[in-house]
PDB file of N, CA and C in Angstrom:
ATOM      1  N   MET A   1     -54.638  10.876  14.585  1.00  0.00           N
ATOM      2  CA  MET A   1     -53.399  11.538  14.217  1.00  0.00           C
ATOM      3  C   MET A   1     -52.326  10.473  13.967  1.00  0.00           C
ATOM      4  N   THR A   2     -51.525  10.680  12.950  1.00  0.00           N
ATOM      5  CA  THR A   2     -50.476   9.720  12.604  1.00  0.00           C
ATOM      6  C   THR A   2     -49.196  10.032  13.361  1.00  0.00           C
ATOM      7  N   ASP A   3     -48.289   9.077  13.347  1.00  0.00           N
ATOM      8  CA  ASP A   3     -46.972   9.317  13.946  1.00  0.00           C
ATOM      9  C   ASP A   3     -46.297  10.514  13.293  1.00  0.00           C
ATOM     10  N   ARG A   4     -46.419  10.630  11.968  1.00  0.00           N
ATOM     11  CA  ARG A   4     -45.812  11.764  11.269  1.00  0.00           C
ATOM     12  C   ARG A   4     -46.411  13.081  11.765  1.00  0.00           C
ATOM     13  N   ASP A   5     -47.715  13.116  11.925  1.00  0.00           N
ATOM     14  CA  ASP A   5     -48.356  14.337  12.441  1.00  0.00           C
ATOM     15  C   ASP A   5     -47.807  14.695  13.815  1.00  0.00           C
ATOM     16  N   ASP A   6     -47.611  13.686  14.659  1.00  0.00           N
ATOM     17  CA  ASP A   6     -47.042  13.920  15.990  1.00  0.00           C
ATOM     18  C   ASP A   6     -45.621  14.476  15.887  1.00  0.00           C
ATOM     19  N   LEU A   7     -44.830  13.921  14.969  1.00  0.00           N
ATOM     20  CA  LEU A   7     -43.455  14.403  14.782  1.00  0.00           C
ATOM     21  C   LEU A   7     -43.442  15.838  14.267  1.00  0.00           C
ATOM     22  N   LEU A   8     -44.301  16.142  13.310  1.00  0.00           N
ATOM     23  CA  LEU A   8     -44.373  17.506  12.778  1.00  0.00           C
ATOM     24  C   LEU A   8     -44.763  18.491  13.881  1.00  0.00           C
ATOM     25  N   ARG A   9     -45.748  18.115  14.683  1.00  0.00           N
ATOM     26  CA  ARG A   9     -46.173  18.974  15.788  1.00  0.00           C
ATOM     27  C   ARG A   9     -45.052  19.170  16.789  1.00  0.00           C
ATOM     28  N   ARG A  10     -44.368  18.087  17.145  1.00  0.00           N
ATOM     29  CA  ARG A  10     -43.292  18.189  18.133  1.00  0.00           C
ATOM     30  C   ARG A  10     -42.126  19.012  17.600  1.00  0.00           C
ATOM     31  N   TYR A  11     -41.796  18.845  16.317  1.00  0.00           N
ATOM     32  CA  TYR A  11     -40.734  19.650  15.710  1.00  0.00           C
ATOM     33  C   TYR A  11     -41.047  21.139  15.897  1.00  0.00           C
ATOM     34  N   ARG A  12     -42.275  21.543  15.572  1.00  0.00           N
ATOM     35  CA  ARG A  12     -42.661  22.957  15.704  1.00  0.00           C
ATOM     36  C   ARG A  12     -42.594  23.405  17.150  1.00  0.00           C
ATOM     37  N   GLU A  13     -43.045  22.574  18.088  1.00  0.00           N
ATOM     38  CA  GLU A  13     -42.966  22.938  19.504  1.00  0.00           C
ATOM     39  C   GLU A  13     -41.523  23.161  19.929  1.00  0.00           C
ATOM     40  N   LEU A  14     -40.646  22.269  19.494  1.00  0.00           N
ATOM     41  CA  LEU A  14     -39.234  22.392  19.855  1.00  0.00           C
ATOM     42  C   LEU A  14     -38.641  23.671  19.294  1.00  0.00           C
ATOM     43  N   VAL A  15     -38.820  23.892  18.001  1.00  0.00           N
ATOM     44  CA  VAL A  15     -38.185  25.024  17.325  1.00  0.00           C
ATOM     45  C   VAL A  15     -38.810  26.357  17.723  1.00  0.00           C
ATOM     46  N   ASP A  16     -40.124  26.382  17.851  1.00  0.00           N
ATOM     47  CA  ASP A  16     -40.807  27.650  18.126  1.00  0.00           C
ATOM     48  C   ASP A  16     -40.809  28.035  19.601  1.00  0.00           C
ATOM     49  N   HIS A  17     -40.797  27.034  20.499  1.00  0.00           N
ATOM     50  CA  HIS A  17     -41.002  27.334  21.911  1.00  0.00           C
ATOM     51  C   HIS A  17     -39.929  26.750  22.828  1.00  0.00           C
ATOM     52  N   ASP A  18     -39.841  25.436  22.865  1.00  0.00           N
ATOM     53  CA  ASP A  18     -39.039  24.776  23.897  1.00  0.00           C
ATOM     54  C   ASP A  18     -37.554  25.105  23.809  1.00  0.00           C
ATOM     55  N   LEU A  19     -36.980  25.021  22.613  1.00  0.00           N
ATOM     56  CA  LEU A  19     -35.547  25.293  22.483  1.00  0.00           C
ATOM     57  C   LEU A  19     -35.207  26.765  22.692  1.00  0.00           C
ATOM     58  N   PRO A  20     -35.936  27.710  22.082  1.00  0.00           N
ATOM     59  CA  PRO A  20     -35.628  29.118  22.372  1.00  0.00           C
ATOM     60  C   PRO A  20     -35.792  29.469  23.857  1.00  0.00           C
ATOM     61  N   ALA A  21     -36.799  28.906  24.512  1.00  0.00           N
ATOM     62  CA  ALA A  21     -36.989  29.187  25.944  1.00  0.00           C
ATOM     63  C   ALA A  21     -35.816  28.652  26.751  1.00  0.00           C
ATOM     64  N   ALA A  22     -35.391  27.428  26.455  1.00  0.00           N
ATOM     65  CA  ALA A  22     -34.244  26.851  27.168  1.00  0.00           C
ATOM     66  C   ALA A  22     -32.978  27.638  26.862  1.00  0.00           C
ATOM     67  N   GLY A  23     -32.800  28.019  25.605  1.00  0.00           N
ATOM     68  CA  GLY A  23     -31.622  28.787  25.217  1.00  0.00           C
ATOM     69  C   GLY A  23     -31.531  30.120  25.947  1.00  0.00           C
ATOM     70  N   SER A  24     -32.645  30.809  26.062  1.00  0.00           N
ATOM     71  CA  SER A  24     -32.661  32.086  26.785  1.00  0.00           C
ATOM     72  C   SER A  24     -32.445  31.877  28.275  1.00  0.00           C
ATOM     73  N   ARG A  25     -33.154  30.910  28.824  1.00  0.00           N
ATOM     74  CA  ARG A  25     -33.087  30.659  30.267  1.00  0.00           C
ATOM     75  C   ARG A  25     -31.692  30.207  30.698  1.00  0.00           C
ATOM     76  N   GLU A  26     -31.076  29.354  29.868  1.00  0.00           N
ATOM     77  CA  GLU A  26     -29.784  28.761  30.234  1.00  0.00           C
ATOM     78  C   GLU A  26     -28.594  29.420  29.546  1.00  0.00           C
ATOM     79  N   ARG A  27     -28.854  30.496  28.810  1.00  0.00           N
ATOM     80  CA  ARG A  27     -27.811  31.285  28.141  1.00  0.00           C
ATOM     81  C   ARG A  27     -26.983  30.450  27.165  1.00  0.00           C
ATOM     82  N   TRP A  28     -27.683  29.702  26.308  1.00  0.00           N
ATOM     83  CA  TRP A  28     -27.014  28.911  25.281  1.00  0.00           C
ATOM     84  C   TRP A  28     -26.483  29.824  24.183  1.00  0.00           C
ATOM     85  N   THR A  29     -25.636  29.265  23.363  1.00  0.00           N
ATOM     86  CA  THR A  29     -25.106  29.960  22.198  1.00  0.00           C
ATOM     87  C   THR A  29     -26.231  30.386  21.255  1.00  0.00           C
ATOM     88  N   LEU A  30     -27.217  29.537  21.072  1.00  0.00           N
ATOM     89  CA  LEU A  30     -28.372  29.840  20.222  1.00  0.00           C
ATOM     90  C   LEU A  30     -29.567  30.162  21.100  1.00  0.00           C
ATOM     91  N   ARG A  31     -30.385  31.103  20.602  1.00  0.00           N
ATOM     92  CA  ARG A  31     -31.591  31.468  21.357  1.00  0.00           C
ATOM     93  C   ARG A  31     -32.794  31.709  20.457  1.00  0.00           C
ATOM     94  N   HIS A  32     -32.580  31.806  19.154  1.00  0.00           N
ATOM     95  CA  HIS A  32     -33.656  32.163  18.225  1.00  0.00           C
ATOM     96  C   HIS A  32     -34.194  30.934  17.490  1.00  0.00           C
ATOM     97  N   ASP A  33     -35.499  30.939  17.264  1.00  0.00           N
ATOM     98  CA  ASP A  33     -36.155  29.798  16.642  1.00  0.00           C
ATOM     99  C   ASP A  33     -35.551  29.426  15.289  1.00  0.00           C
ATOM    100  N   HIS A  34     -35.277  30.420  14.437  1.00  0.00           N
ATOM    101  CA  HIS A  34     -34.759  30.109  13.106  1.00  0.00           C
ATOM    102  C   HIS A  34     -33.365  29.471  13.171  1.00  0.00           C
ATOM    103  N   CYS A  35     -32.586  29.790  14.196  1.00  0.00           N
ATOM    104  CA  CYS A  35     -31.270  29.167  14.355  1.00  0.00           C
ATOM    105  C   CYS A  35     -31.409  27.697  14.740  1.00  0.00           C
ATOM    106  N   PHE A  36     -32.318  27.406  15.651  1.00  0.00           N
ATOM    107  CA  PHE A  36     -32.552  26.006  16.010  1.00  0.00           C
ATOM    108  C   PHE A  36     -33.087  25.233  14.806  1.00  0.00           C
ATOM    109  N   GLY A  37     -33.967  25.848  14.033  1.00  0.00           N
ATOM    110  CA  GLY A  37     -34.473  25.196  12.831  1.00  0.00           C
ATOM    111  C   GLY A  37     -33.361  24.878  11.851  1.00  0.00           C
ATOM    112  N   ARG A  38     -32.466  25.827  11.626  1.00  0.00           N
ATOM    113  CA  ARG A  38     -31.330  25.606  10.724  1.00  0.00           C
ATOM    114  C   ARG A  38     -30.491  24.435  11.192  1.00  0.00           C
ATOM    115  N   VAL A  39     -30.145  24.427  12.467  1.00  0.00           N
ATOM    116  CA  VAL A  39     -29.281  23.383  13.009  1.00  0.00           C
ATOM    117  C   VAL A  39     -29.940  22.019  12.902  1.00  0.00           C
ATOM    118  N   LEU A  40     -31.207  21.929  13.286  1.00  0.00           N
ATOM    119  CA  LEU A  40     -31.900  20.633  13.231  1.00  0.00           C
ATOM    120  C   LEU A  40     -32.079  20.144  11.803  1.00  0.00           C
ATOM    121  N   LEU A  41     -32.432  21.031  10.888  1.00  0.00           N
ATOM    122  CA  LEU A  41     -32.583  20.632   9.489  1.00  0.00           C
ATOM    123  C   LEU A  41     -31.248  20.203   8.892  1.00  0.00           C
ATOM    124  N   ASP A  42     -30.199  20.981   9.114  1.00  0.00           N
ATOM    125  CA  ASP A  42     -28.879  20.627   8.586  1.00  0.00           C
ATOM    126  C   ASP A  42     -28.425  19.279   9.130  1.00  0.00           C
ATOM    127  N   ASP A  43     -28.611  19.061  10.423  1.00  0.00           N
ATOM    128  CA  ASP A  43     -28.201  17.798  11.024  1.00  0.00           C
ATOM    129  C   ASP A  43     -28.999  16.633  10.444  1.00  0.00           C
ATOM    130  N   ALA A  44     -30.277  16.850  10.209  1.00  0.00           N
ATOM    131  CA  ALA A  44     -31.138  15.779   9.689  1.00  0.00           C
ATOM    132  C   ALA A  44     -30.735  15.341   8.291  1.00  0.00           C
ATOM    133  N   VAL A  45     -30.281  16.290   7.470  1.00  0.00           N
ATOM    134  CA  VAL A  45     -29.921  15.940   6.082  1.00  0.00           C
ATOM    135  C   VAL A  45     -28.418  15.767   5.888  1.00  0.00           C
ATOM    136  N   GLY A  46     -27.615  16.127   6.896  1.00  0.00           N
ATOM    137  CA  GLY A  46     -26.166  15.958   6.807  1.00  0.00           C
ATOM    138  C   GLY A  46     -25.482  16.944   5.891  1.00  0.00           C
ATOM    139  N   ALA A  47     -26.076  18.119   5.747  1.00  0.00           N
ATOM    140  CA  ALA A  47     -25.537  19.163   4.863  1.00  0.00           C
ATOM    141  C   ALA A  47     -26.370  20.425   5.093  1.00  0.00           C
ATOM    142  N   CYS A  48     -26.049  21.464   4.341  1.00  0.00           N
ATOM    143  CA  CYS A  48     -26.883  22.661   4.360  1.00  0.00           C
ATOM    144  C   CYS A  48     -28.265  22.266   3.832  1.00  0.00           C
ATOM    145  N   TRP A  49     -29.305  22.446   4.615  1.00  0.00           N
ATOM    146  CA  TRP A  49     -30.611  21.878   4.286  1.00  0.00           C
ATOM    147  C   TRP A  49     -31.140  22.306   2.931  1.00  0.00           C
ATOM    148  N   TYR A  50     -30.922  23.551   2.533  1.00  0.00           N
ATOM    149  CA  TYR A  50     -31.507  23.971   1.262  1.00  0.00           C
ATOM    150  C   TYR A  50     -30.753  23.425   0.060  1.00  0.00           C
ATOM    151  N   ASP A  51     -29.522  22.926   0.259  1.00  0.00           N
ATOM    152  CA  ASP A  51     -28.830  22.231  -0.824  1.00  0.00           C
ATOM    153  C   ASP A  51     -29.457  20.860  -1.078  1.00  0.00           C
ATOM    154  N   VAL A  52     -30.090  20.309  -0.062  1.00  0.00           N
ATOM    155  CA  VAL A  52     -30.709  18.980  -0.162  1.00  0.00           C
ATOM    156  C   VAL A  52     -32.210  19.089  -0.438  1.00  0.00           C
ATOM    157  N   LEU A  53     -32.885  19.959   0.291  1.00  0.00           N
ATOM    158  CA  LEU A  53     -34.347  20.044   0.213  1.00  0.00           C
ATOM    159  C   LEU A  53     -34.843  21.104  -0.755  1.00  0.00           C
ATOM    160  N   GLY A  54     -33.972  22.008  -1.149  1.00  0.00           N
ATOM    161  CA  GLY A  54     -34.384  23.111  -1.999  1.00  0.00           C
ATOM    162  C   GLY A  54     -35.043  24.208  -1.186  1.00  0.00           C
ATOM    163  N   ARG A  55     -35.271  25.326  -1.837  1.00  0.00           N
ATOM    164  CA  ARG A  55     -35.893  26.476  -1.173  1.00  0.00           C
ATOM    165  C   ARG A  55     -37.277  26.726  -1.763  1.00  0.00           C
ATOM    166  N   GLY A  56     -38.113  27.369  -0.978  1.00  0.00           N
ATOM    167  CA  GLY A  56     -39.322  27.969  -1.503  1.00  0.00           C
ATOM    168  C   GLY A  56     -40.514  27.083  -1.805  1.00  0.00           C
ATOM    169  N   ARG A  57     -40.531  25.850  -1.392  1.00  0.00           N
ATOM    170  CA  ARG A  57     -41.688  25.001  -1.663  1.00  0.00           C
ATOM    171  C   ARG A  57     -42.429  24.690  -0.371  1.00  0.00           C
ATOM    172  N   GLY A  58     -42.629  25.675   0.448  1.00  0.00           N
ATOM    173  CA  GLY A  58     -43.275  25.460   1.743  1.00  0.00           C
ATOM    174  C   GLY A  58     -42.238  25.181   2.816  1.00  0.00           C
ATOM    175  N   ALA A  59     -42.725  24.890   3.989  1.00  0.00           N
ATOM    176  CA  ALA A  59     -41.851  24.679   5.147  1.00  0.00           C
ATOM    177  C   ALA A  59     -40.911  23.503   4.907  1.00  0.00           C
ATOM    178  N   ALA A  60     -39.625  23.742   5.073  1.00  0.00           N
ATOM    179  CA  ALA A  60     -38.602  22.729   4.787  1.00  0.00           C
ATOM    180  C   ALA A  60     -38.768  21.493   5.663  1.00  0.00           C
ATOM    181  N   TYR A  61     -39.117  21.660   6.919  1.00  0.00           N
ATOM    182  CA  TYR A  61     -39.229  20.502   7.806  1.00  0.00           C
ATOM    183  C   TYR A  61     -40.312  19.538   7.325  1.00  0.00           C
ATOM    184  N   ARG A  62     -41.315  20.032   6.627  1.00  0.00           N
ATOM    185  CA  ARG A  62     -42.369  19.174   6.087  1.00  0.00           C
ATOM    186  C   ARG A  62     -41.878  18.327   4.913  1.00  0.00           C
ATOM    187  N   ARG A  63     -40.765  18.735   4.314  1.00  0.00           N
ATOM    188  CA  ARG A  63     -40.210  17.977   3.183  1.00  0.00           C
ATOM    189  C   ARG A  63     -39.239  16.888   3.621  1.00  0.00           C
ATOM    190  N   LEU A  64     -38.948  16.815   4.917  1.00  0.00           N
ATOM    191  CA  LEU A  64     -38.098  15.735   5.422  1.00  0.00           C
ATOM    192  C   LEU A  64     -38.861  14.416   5.326  1.00  0.00           C
ATOM    193  N   ASP A  65     -38.155  13.345   4.975  1.00  0.00           N
ATOM    194  CA  ASP A  65     -38.814  12.036   5.044  1.00  0.00           C
ATOM    195  C   ASP A  65     -38.997  11.664   6.511  1.00  0.00           C
ATOM    196  N   ASP A  66     -39.740  10.600   6.764  1.00  0.00           N
ATOM    197  CA  ASP A  66     -40.069  10.242   8.151  1.00  0.00           C
ATOM    198  C   ASP A  66     -38.828   9.983   8.997  1.00  0.00           C
ATOM    199  N   HIS A  67     -37.844   9.316   8.426  1.00  0.00           N
ATOM    200  CA  HIS A  67     -36.618   9.007   9.168  1.00  0.00           C
ATOM    201  C   HIS A  67     -35.882  10.288   9.564  1.00  0.00           C
ATOM    202  N   ARG A  68     -35.725  11.192   8.621  1.00  0.00           N
ATOM    203  CA  ARG A  68     -35.017  12.447   8.906  1.00  0.00           C
ATOM    204  C   ARG A  68     -35.804  13.334   9.865  1.00  0.00           C
ATOM    205  N   LEU A  69     -37.115  13.335   9.733  1.00  0.00           N
ATOM    206  CA  LEU A  69     -37.945  14.113  10.646  1.00  0.00           C
ATOM    207  C   LEU A  69     -37.810  13.575  12.074  1.00  0.00           C
ATOM    208  N   ALA A  70     -37.852  12.269  12.214  1.00  0.00           N
ATOM    209  CA  ALA A  70     -37.681  11.655  13.541  1.00  0.00           C
ATOM    210  C   ALA A  70     -36.301  11.989  14.108  1.00  0.00           C
ATOM    211  N   HIS A  71     -35.285  11.994  13.244  1.00  0.00           N
ATOM    212  CA  HIS A  71     -33.929  12.343  13.688  1.00  0.00           C
ATOM    213  C   HIS A  71     -33.892  13.791  14.194  1.00  0.00           C
ATOM    214  N   ALA A  72     -34.506  14.712  13.450  1.00  0.00           N
ATOM    215  CA  ALA A  72     -34.513  16.123  13.855  1.00  0.00           C
ATOM    216  C   ALA A  72     -35.190  16.298  15.211  1.00  0.00           C
ATOM    217  N   VAL A  73     -36.308  15.627  15.410  1.00  0.00           N
ATOM    218  CA  VAL A  73     -37.020  15.720  16.684  1.00  0.00           C
ATOM    219  C   VAL A  73     -36.164  15.128  17.806  1.00  0.00           C
ATOM    220  N   ALA A  74     -35.548  13.982  17.543  1.00  0.00           N
ATOM    221  CA  ALA A  74     -34.699  13.355  18.571  1.00  0.00           C
ATOM    222  C   ALA A  74     -33.529  14.265  18.947  1.00  0.00           C
ATOM    223  N   GLN A  75     -32.921  14.924  17.967  1.00  0.00           N
ATOM    224  CA  GLN A  75     -31.816  15.839  18.268  1.00  0.00           C
ATOM    225  C   GLN A  75     -32.306  17.045  19.066  1.00  0.00           C
ATOM    226  N   GLY A  76     -33.487  17.546  18.744  1.00  0.00           N
ATOM    227  CA  GLY A  76     -34.044  18.645  19.521  1.00  0.00           C
ATOM    228  C   GLY A  76     -34.281  18.239  20.966  1.00  0.00           C
ATOM    229  N   GLU A  77     -34.787  17.033  21.163  1.00  0.00           N
ATOM    230  CA  GLU A  77     -34.988  16.524  22.523  1.00  0.00           C
ATOM    231  C   GLU A  77     -33.639  16.371  23.239  1.00  0.00           C
ATOM    232  N   ARG A  78     -32.630  15.894  22.522  1.00  0.00           N
ATOM    233  CA  ARG A  78     -31.282  15.773  23.105  1.00  0.00           C
ATOM    234  C   ARG A  78     -30.755  17.134  23.536  1.00  0.00           C
ATOM    235  N   MET A  79     -30.987  18.163  22.724  1.00  0.00           N
ATOM    236  CA  MET A  79     -30.541  19.508  23.083  1.00  0.00           C
ATOM    237  C   MET A  79     -31.129  19.929  24.420  1.00  0.00           C
ATOM    238  N   LEU A  80     -32.398  19.632  24.636  1.00  0.00           N
ATOM    239  CA  LEU A  80     -33.033  19.999  25.895  1.00  0.00           C
ATOM    240  C   LEU A  80     -32.380  19.312  27.079  1.00  0.00           C
ATOM    241  N   VAL A  81     -31.900  18.093  26.879  1.00  0.00           N
ATOM    242  CA  VAL A  81     -31.280  17.325  27.962  1.00  0.00           C
ATOM    243  C   VAL A  81     -29.806  17.690  28.138  1.00  0.00           C
ATOM    244  N   GLU A  82     -29.068  17.749  27.028  1.00  0.00           N
ATOM    245  CA  GLU A  82     -27.613  17.919  27.087  1.00  0.00           C
ATOM    246  C   GLU A  82     -27.173  19.373  27.104  1.00  0.00           C
ATOM    247  N   GLY A  83     -28.014  20.272  26.654  1.00  0.00           N
ATOM    248  CA  GLY A  83     -27.742  21.696  26.758  1.00  0.00           C
ATOM    249  C   GLY A  83     -26.745  22.264  25.773  1.00  0.00           C
ATOM    250  N   ASP A  84     -26.069  23.316  26.213  1.00  0.00           N
ATOM    251  CA  ASP A  84     -25.256  24.138  25.327  1.00  0.00           C
ATOM    252  C   ASP A  84     -24.096  23.389  24.675  1.00  0.00           C
ATOM    253  N   ALA A  85     -23.539  22.393  25.319  1.00  0.00           N
ATOM    254  CA  ALA A  85     -22.422  21.659  24.703  1.00  0.00           C
ATOM    255  C   ALA A  85     -22.877  21.004  23.399  1.00  0.00           C
ATOM    256  N   LEU A  86     -24.033  20.370  23.411  1.00  0.00           N
ATOM    257  CA  LEU A  86     -24.551  19.755  22.181  1.00  0.00           C
ATOM    258  C   LEU A  86     -24.980  20.820  21.188  1.00  0.00           C
ATOM    259  N   VAL A  87     -25.626  21.861  21.657  1.00  0.00           N
ATOM    260  CA  VAL A  87     -26.043  22.954  20.774  1.00  0.00           C
ATOM    261  C   VAL A  87     -24.832  23.532  20.048  1.00  0.00           C
ATOM    262  N   ARG A  88     -23.751  23.782  20.775  1.00  0.00           N
ATOM    263  CA  ARG A  88     -22.528  24.323  20.162  1.00  0.00           C
ATOM    264  C   ARG A  88     -21.954  23.376  19.107  1.00  0.00           C
ATOM    265  N   ALA A  89     -21.912  22.090  19.422  1.00  0.00           N
ATOM    266  CA  ALA A  89     -21.349  21.113  18.481  1.00  0.00           C
ATOM    267  C   ALA A  89     -22.179  21.038  17.195  1.00  0.00           C
ATOM    268  N   LEU A  90     -23.494  20.970  17.337  1.00  0.00           N
ATOM    269  CA  LEU A  90     -24.350  20.891  16.150  1.00  0.00           C
ATOM    270  C   LEU A  90     -24.343  22.200  15.365  1.00  0.00           C
ATOM    271  N   ASP A  91     -24.294  23.321  16.066  1.00  0.00           N
ATOM    272  CA  ASP A  91     -24.233  24.618  15.398  1.00  0.00           C
ATOM    273  C   ASP A  91     -22.918  24.758  14.627  1.00  0.00           C
ATOM    274  N   ALA A  92     -21.816  24.350  15.233  1.00  0.00           N
ATOM    275  CA  ALA A  92     -20.514  24.450  14.557  1.00  0.00           C
ATOM    276  C   ALA A  92     -20.506  23.627  13.276  1.00  0.00           C
ATOM    277  N   ARG A  93     -21.077  22.424  13.332  1.00  0.00           N
ATOM    278  CA  ARG A  93     -21.117  21.584  12.132  1.00  0.00           C
ATOM    279  C   ARG A  93     -22.020  22.205  11.069  1.00  0.00           C
ATOM    280  N   SER A  94     -23.153  22.752  11.483  1.00  0.00           N
ATOM    281  CA  SER A  94     -24.053  23.418  10.555  1.00  0.00           C
ATOM    282  C   SER A  94     -23.360  24.596   9.864  1.00  0.00           C
ATOM    283  N   LEU A  95     -22.669  25.391  10.651  1.00  0.00           N
ATOM    284  CA  LEU A  95     -21.957  26.539  10.086  1.00  0.00           C
ATOM    285  C   LEU A  95     -20.836  26.092   9.149  1.00  0.00           C
ATOM    286  N   ALA A  96     -20.137  25.023   9.492  1.00  0.00           N
ATOM    287  CA  ALA A  96     -19.072  24.508   8.622  1.00  0.00           C
ATOM    288  C   ALA A  96     -19.635  24.079   7.269  1.00  0.00           C
ATOM    289  N   TRP A  97     -20.794  23.440   7.259  1.00  0.00           N
ATOM    290  CA  TRP A  97     -21.420  23.046   5.996  1.00  0.00           C
ATOM    291  C   TRP A  97     -21.755  24.258   5.142  1.00  0.00           C
ATOM    292  N   ARG A  98     -21.855  25.416   5.772  1.00  0.00           N
ATOM    293  CA  ARG A  98     -22.181  26.649   5.067  1.00  0.00           C
ATOM    294  C   ARG A  98     -20.931  27.491   4.794  1.00  0.00           C
ATOM    295  N   GLY A  99     -19.749  26.956   5.165  1.00  0.00           N
ATOM    296  CA  GLY A  99     -18.511  27.682   4.936  1.00  0.00           C
ATOM    297  C   GLY A  99     -18.291  28.827   5.901  1.00  0.00           C
ATOM    298  N   LYS A 100     -18.906  28.768   7.078  1.00  0.00           N
ATOM    299  CA  LYS A 100     -18.779  29.829   8.067  1.00  0.00           C
ATOM    300  C   LYS A 100     -18.054  29.308   9.306  1.00  0.00           C
ATOM    301  N   PRO A 101     -17.353  30.185  10.005  1.00  0.00           N
ATOM    302  CA  PRO A 101     -16.650  29.750  11.222  1.00  0.00           C
ATOM    303  C   PRO A 101     -17.615  29.503  12.375  1.00  0.00           C
ATOM    304  N   ALA A 102     -17.215  28.640  13.284  1.00  0.00           N
ATOM    305  CA  ALA A 102     -18.002  28.380  14.496  1.00  0.00           C
ATOM    306  C   ALA A 102     -18.010  29.617  15.375  1.00  0.00           C
ATOM    307  N   LYS A 103     -19.042  29.740  16.172  1.00  0.00           N
ATOM    308  CA  LYS A 103     -19.114  30.850  17.129  1.00  0.00           C
ATOM    309  C   LYS A 103     -18.128  30.606  18.255  1.00  0.00           C
ATOM    310  N   ARG A 104     -17.691  31.670  18.890  1.00  0.00           N
ATOM    311  CA  ARG A 104     -16.759  31.559  20.018  1.00  0.00           C
ATOM    312  C   ARG A 104     -17.494  31.332  21.294  1.00  0.00           C
TER     313      ARG A 104
END
């Protein structure tokens, strides 16, 4: 298995399982897998992910280059350690890139 394969696997574990479980258990602002995916993808590309990666050509996280994929995984790991304060900050920035207000 390559480093990229490990990163892809870990990204899915974070988004599908670890982050939603922590969010529910610790009552974070975000609790759903697709929300964590949005935040991590937006943070990795520095904008609304579909403006950079496009839509509809398979899973967006697979289209990240190795550097951006590693960044997304590292941010997901940081969320697990730092909790809701980091989740709120990254979510607010993601929403701002989409022209939406931050959650209260």
